[in-house]
Amino acid sequence: MSDNEQKDANGWTPTLLKQRRRRAAIMGIALAIMVTMFFLVTVVRLSANIAASGQ
């Protein structure tokens, strides 16, 4: 961190804020992928159970 970067009221520099936003976006994408995977696995398992029950 160089001395010419201005900190905001909480002490965050623009570089640190950019890194924080990037990490938050990556975590959001990872969470969305995980939720989608759980949903798809649930649908597949429910479909398999319905098919196996003969209805």
Protein backbone atom coordinates (compact mmCIF):
# COMPACT_ATOMS: atom_id res chain seq x y z
CA MET A 1 0.00 0.00 0.00
CA SER A 2 1.42 3.34 -0.98
CA ASP A 3 1.09 6.56 0.97
CA ASN A 4 -0.83 8.34 -1.80
CA GLU A 5 -3.95 6.13 -1.50
CA GLN A 6 -6.72 7.88 0.40
CA LYS A 7 -8.50 5.90 3.10
CA ASP A 8 -12.22 6.24 3.72
CA ALA A 9 -13.80 6.67 7.17
CA ASN A 10 -13.37 2.96 7.96
CA GLY A 11 -9.73 2.81 6.88
CA TRP A 12 -10.34 1.01 3.57
CA THR A 13 -8.25 2.07 0.58
CA PRO A 14 -9.68 1.81 -2.95
CA THR A 15 -7.38 -1.17 -3.61
CA LEU A 16 -8.59 -3.00 -0.52
CA LEU A 17 -12.22 -2.26 -1.38
CA LYS A 18 -11.69 -3.64 -4.90
CA GLN A 19 -10.15 -6.82 -3.49
CA ARG A 20 -13.00 -7.14 -1.00
CA ARG A 21 -15.65 -6.74 -3.71
CA ARG A 22 -13.88 -9.34 -5.87
CA ARG A 23 -13.79 -11.85 -3.00
CA ALA A 24 -17.46 -11.18 -2.24
CA ALA A 25 -18.40 -11.73 -5.88
CA ILE A 26 -16.47 -15.00 -6.03
CA MET A 27 -18.12 -16.21 -2.83
CA GLY A 28 -21.54 -15.22 -4.17
CA ILE A 29 -20.96 -17.15 -7.39
CA ALA A 30 -19.73 -20.19 -5.44
CA LEU A 31 -22.79 -20.05 -3.20
CA ALA A 32 -25.13 -19.79 -6.19
CA ILE A 33 -23.47 -22.80 -7.84
CA MET A 34 -23.77 -24.83 -4.64
CA VAL A 35 -27.46 -23.96 -4.19
CA THR A 36 -28.14 -24.88 -7.82
CA MET A 37 -26.34 -28.21 -7.38
CA PHE A 38 -28.38 -29.03 -4.26
CA PHE A 39 -31.59 -28.16 -6.11
CA LEU A 40 -30.71 -30.30 -9.14
CA VAL A 41 -29.67 -33.27 -6.99
CA THR A 42 -32.95 -33.00 -5.08
CA VAL A 43 -35.01 -32.91 -8.27
CA VAL A 44 -33.16 -35.91 -9.73
CA ARG A 45 -33.58 -37.94 -6.52
CA LEU A 46 -37.27 -37.07 -6.26
CA SER A 47 -37.79 -38.02 -9.91
CA ALA A 48 -36.03 -41.34 -9.34
CA ASN A 49 -38.20 -42.08 -6.29
CA ILE A 50 -41.40 -41.24 -8.18
CA ALA A 51 -40.36 -43.46 -11.09
CA ALA A 52 -39.43 -46.31 -8.72
CA SER A 53 -42.75 -46.15 -6.88
CA GLY A 54 -44.66 -46.92 -10.10
CA GLN A 55 -46.87 -43.86 -10.17
